[in-house]
């Protein structure tokens, strides 16, 4: 599922044209978009190279996490240069939720494969995916440090 232009490239160019790519919140946001694209590509590779399926590690389950990365991408793109604290917080919360789900699934893959004593997914791919998710998490933590509280109120009073 290779695209001609990645979201990262498209929105980096757009922010450069607007002259706001230098802002730390936008720089980290772009980094996250690039990282989630890499995570999506890795998940697609895992799905393509699976030897067999079982109730925990199946192409349908892998698709679920791939679709989750698409939601994370949309939430990250929605934050680019938005300047609204509530939008940053809502979208960051959704992104964190889906990434935590993926972290848990990766741990489950390890446990299941160790328990079953057979590899459905190549161990190196799982390690690469885990490393990419960790890198995403580290950049995410830096990104949220740059959210600036504003005067807009959250009607649900959550943020």
Protein backbone atom coordinates (compact mmCIF):
# COMPACT_ATOMS: atom_id res chain seq x y z
CA UNK A 1 0.00 0.00 0.00
CA UNK A 2 2.72 2.44 -1.03
CA UNK A 3 1.57 6.02 -1.58
CA UNK A 4 3.22 8.45 -4.02
CA UNK A 5 3.73 11.01 -1.27
CA UNK A 6 3.67 10.28 2.42
CA UNK A 7 1.62 12.34 4.84
CA UNK A 8 4.91 13.39 6.39
CA UNK A 9 6.24 14.79 3.10
CA UNK A 10 2.94 16.42 2.19
CA UNK A 11 2.44 18.19 5.52
CA UNK A 12 6.10 19.08 5.99
CA UNK A 13 5.93 20.95 2.69
CA UNK A 14 2.67 22.61 3.73
CA UNK A 15 4.12 23.79 7.06
CA UNK A 16 7.26 25.04 5.31
CA UNK A 17 5.09 27.05 2.90
CA UNK A 18 3.26 28.54 5.91
CA UNK A 19 6.60 29.23 7.63
CA UNK A 20 5.67 27.35 10.83
CA UNK A 21 7.59 24.07 10.48
CA UNK A 22 10.21 25.39 12.91
CA UNK A 23 7.80 25.44 15.88
CA UNK A 24 8.72 22.64 18.30
CA UNK A 25 5.12 21.40 18.53
CA UNK A 26 5.02 21.09 14.72
CA UNK A 27 8.49 19.52 14.44
CA UNK A 28 7.61 16.80 16.94
CA UNK A 29 4.21 16.34 15.33
CA UNK A 30 5.85 15.78 11.93
CA UNK A 31 8.30 13.34 13.51
CA UNK A 32 5.36 11.41 14.94
CA UNK A 33 3.65 11.31 11.55
CA UNK A 34 6.81 9.88 9.99
CA UNK A 35 7.16 7.34 12.81
CA UNK A 36 3.54 6.17 12.53
CA UNK A 37 4.02 5.72 8.78
CA UNK A 38 7.03 3.50 9.49
CA UNK A 39 5.01 1.55 12.07
CA UNK A 40 2.21 1.07 9.52
CA UNK A 41 4.70 -0.18 6.94
CA UNK A 42 6.20 -2.60 9.46
CA UNK A 43 2.78 -3.97 10.37
CA UNK A 44 2.02 -4.46 6.66
CA UNK A 45 5.32 -6.32 6.26
CA UNK A 46 4.51 -8.53 9.25
CA UNK A 47 1.14 -9.37 7.73
CA UNK A 48 2.71 -10.22 4.36
CA UNK A 49 5.37 -12.49 5.89
CA UNK A 50 3.26 -14.46 8.38
CA UNK A 51 3.69 -18.18 7.89
CA UNK A 52 0.57 -19.32 9.64
CA UNK A 53 -2.26 -18.00 11.75
CA UNK A 54 -3.77 -18.85 15.10
CA UNK A 55 -6.47 -17.37 17.29
CA UNK A 56 -4.20 -14.62 18.67
CA UNK A 57 -1.89 -13.89 15.77
CA UNK A 58 -3.98 -13.68 12.62
CA UNK A 59 -4.11 -11.43 9.60
CA UNK A 60 -7.45 -10.10 10.86
CA UNK A 61 -5.87 -9.13 14.19
CA UNK A 62 -2.92 -7.55 12.39
CA UNK A 63 -5.40 -5.58 10.23
CA UNK A 64 -7.00 -4.20 13.39
CA UNK A 65 -3.70 -2.69 14.49
CA UNK A 66 -2.94 -1.47 10.99
CA UNK A 67 -6.28 0.36 10.91
CA UNK A 68 -5.49 1.77 14.35
CA UNK A 69 -2.31 3.31 12.93
CA UNK A 70 -4.43 5.01 10.28
CA UNK A 71 -6.55 6.56 13.04
CA UNK A 72 -3.39 7.71 14.83
CA UNK A 73 -2.16 9.26 11.57
CA UNK A 74 -5.44 11.15 11.14
CA UNK A 75 -5.32 12.42 14.73
CA UNK A 76 -1.72 13.60 14.32
CA UNK A 77 -2.47 15.35 11.04
CA UNK A 78 -5.45 17.02 12.72
CA UNK A 79 -3.09 18.60 15.26
CA UNK A 80 -0.66 20.15 12.79
CA UNK A 81 -0.41 23.84 13.59
CA UNK A 82 -3.93 23.84 15.03
CA UNK A 83 -2.97 25.95 18.04
CA UNK A 84 -5.89 24.73 20.15
CA UNK A 85 -5.03 23.00 23.40
CA UNK A 86 -8.29 21.04 23.51
CA UNK A 87 -7.71 19.63 20.01
CA UNK A 88 -4.11 18.73 20.88
CA UNK A 89 -5.25 16.96 24.05
CA UNK A 90 -8.18 15.11 22.46
CA UNK A 91 -6.16 13.89 19.51
CA UNK A 92 -3.13 13.05 21.66
CA UNK A 93 -5.37 11.03 23.99
CA UNK A 94 -6.80 9.02 21.10
CA UNK A 95 -3.33 8.45 19.61
CA UNK A 96 -1.98 7.32 22.97
CA UNK A 97 -4.91 4.91 23.42
CA UNK A 98 -4.26 3.17 20.10
CA UNK A 99 -0.51 3.07 20.61
CA UNK A 100 -0.98 1.52 24.07
CA UNK A 101 -3.19 -1.12 22.43
CA UNK A 102 -0.39 -1.86 19.98
CA UNK A 103 2.19 -2.06 22.80
CA UNK A 104 0.00 -4.58 24.59
CA UNK A 105 -0.47 -6.63 21.44
CA UNK A 106 3.29 -6.74 20.83
CA UNK A 107 3.82 -8.05 24.37
CA UNK A 108 1.09 -10.60 23.76
CA UNK A 109 2.78 -11.80 20.59
CA UNK A 110 5.95 -12.49 22.57
CA UNK A 111 4.08 -14.32 25.31
CA UNK A 112 1.99 -16.36 22.92
CA UNK A 113 4.90 -17.35 20.69
CA UNK A 114 6.99 -18.31 23.72
CA UNK A 115 4.12 -20.34 25.18
CA UNK A 116 3.29 -22.11 21.93
CA UNK A 117 6.99 -22.62 21.18
CA UNK A 118 6.50 -21.72 17.55
CA UNK A 119 6.99 -18.53 15.67
CA UNK A 120 4.11 -17.15 13.66
CA UNK A 121 5.84 -13.80 13.23
CA UNK A 122 9.57 -13.48 12.72
CA UNK A 123 11.12 -12.41 16.04
CA UNK A 124 13.19 -9.68 14.34
CA UNK A 125 10.03 -8.05 12.97
CA UNK A 126 8.47 -7.99 16.42
CA UNK A 127 11.64 -6.41 17.83
CA UNK A 128 11.71 -3.79 15.08
CA UNK A 129 8.05 -2.98 15.70
CA UNK A 130 8.62 -2.74 19.46
CA UNK A 131 11.58 -0.38 18.88
CA UNK A 132 9.54 1.79 16.53
CA UNK A 133 6.68 2.02 19.03
CA UNK A 134 9.15 2.96 21.77
CA UNK A 135 10.66 5.65 19.54
CA UNK A 136 7.13 6.94 18.83
CA UNK A 137 6.41 7.02 22.57
CA UNK A 138 9.59 8.98 23.33
CA UNK A 139 8.81 11.56 20.63
CA UNK A 140 5.18 11.71 21.79
CA UNK A 141 6.32 12.61 25.32
CA UNK A 142 8.44 15.44 23.91
CA UNK A 143 5.58 16.60 21.67
CA UNK A 144 3.03 16.99 24.48
CA UNK A 145 5.50 19.14 26.46
CA UNK A 146 4.95 21.83 23.82
CA UNK A 147 1.15 22.02 24.13
CA UNK A 148 0.23 25.48 25.34
CA UNK A 149 -2.92 25.95 27.41
CA UNK A 150 -5.23 28.53 25.86
CA UNK A 151 -8.54 30.20 26.68
CA UNK A 152 -10.72 27.74 24.77
CA UNK A 153 -12.90 25.67 27.05
CA UNK A 154 -13.52 21.99 26.73
CA UNK A 155 -17.31 21.64 26.78
CA UNK A 156 -16.94 18.21 28.37
CA UNK A 157 -14.60 19.64 31.03
CA UNK A 158 -12.03 16.90 30.56
CA UNK A 159 -9.00 19.00 29.60
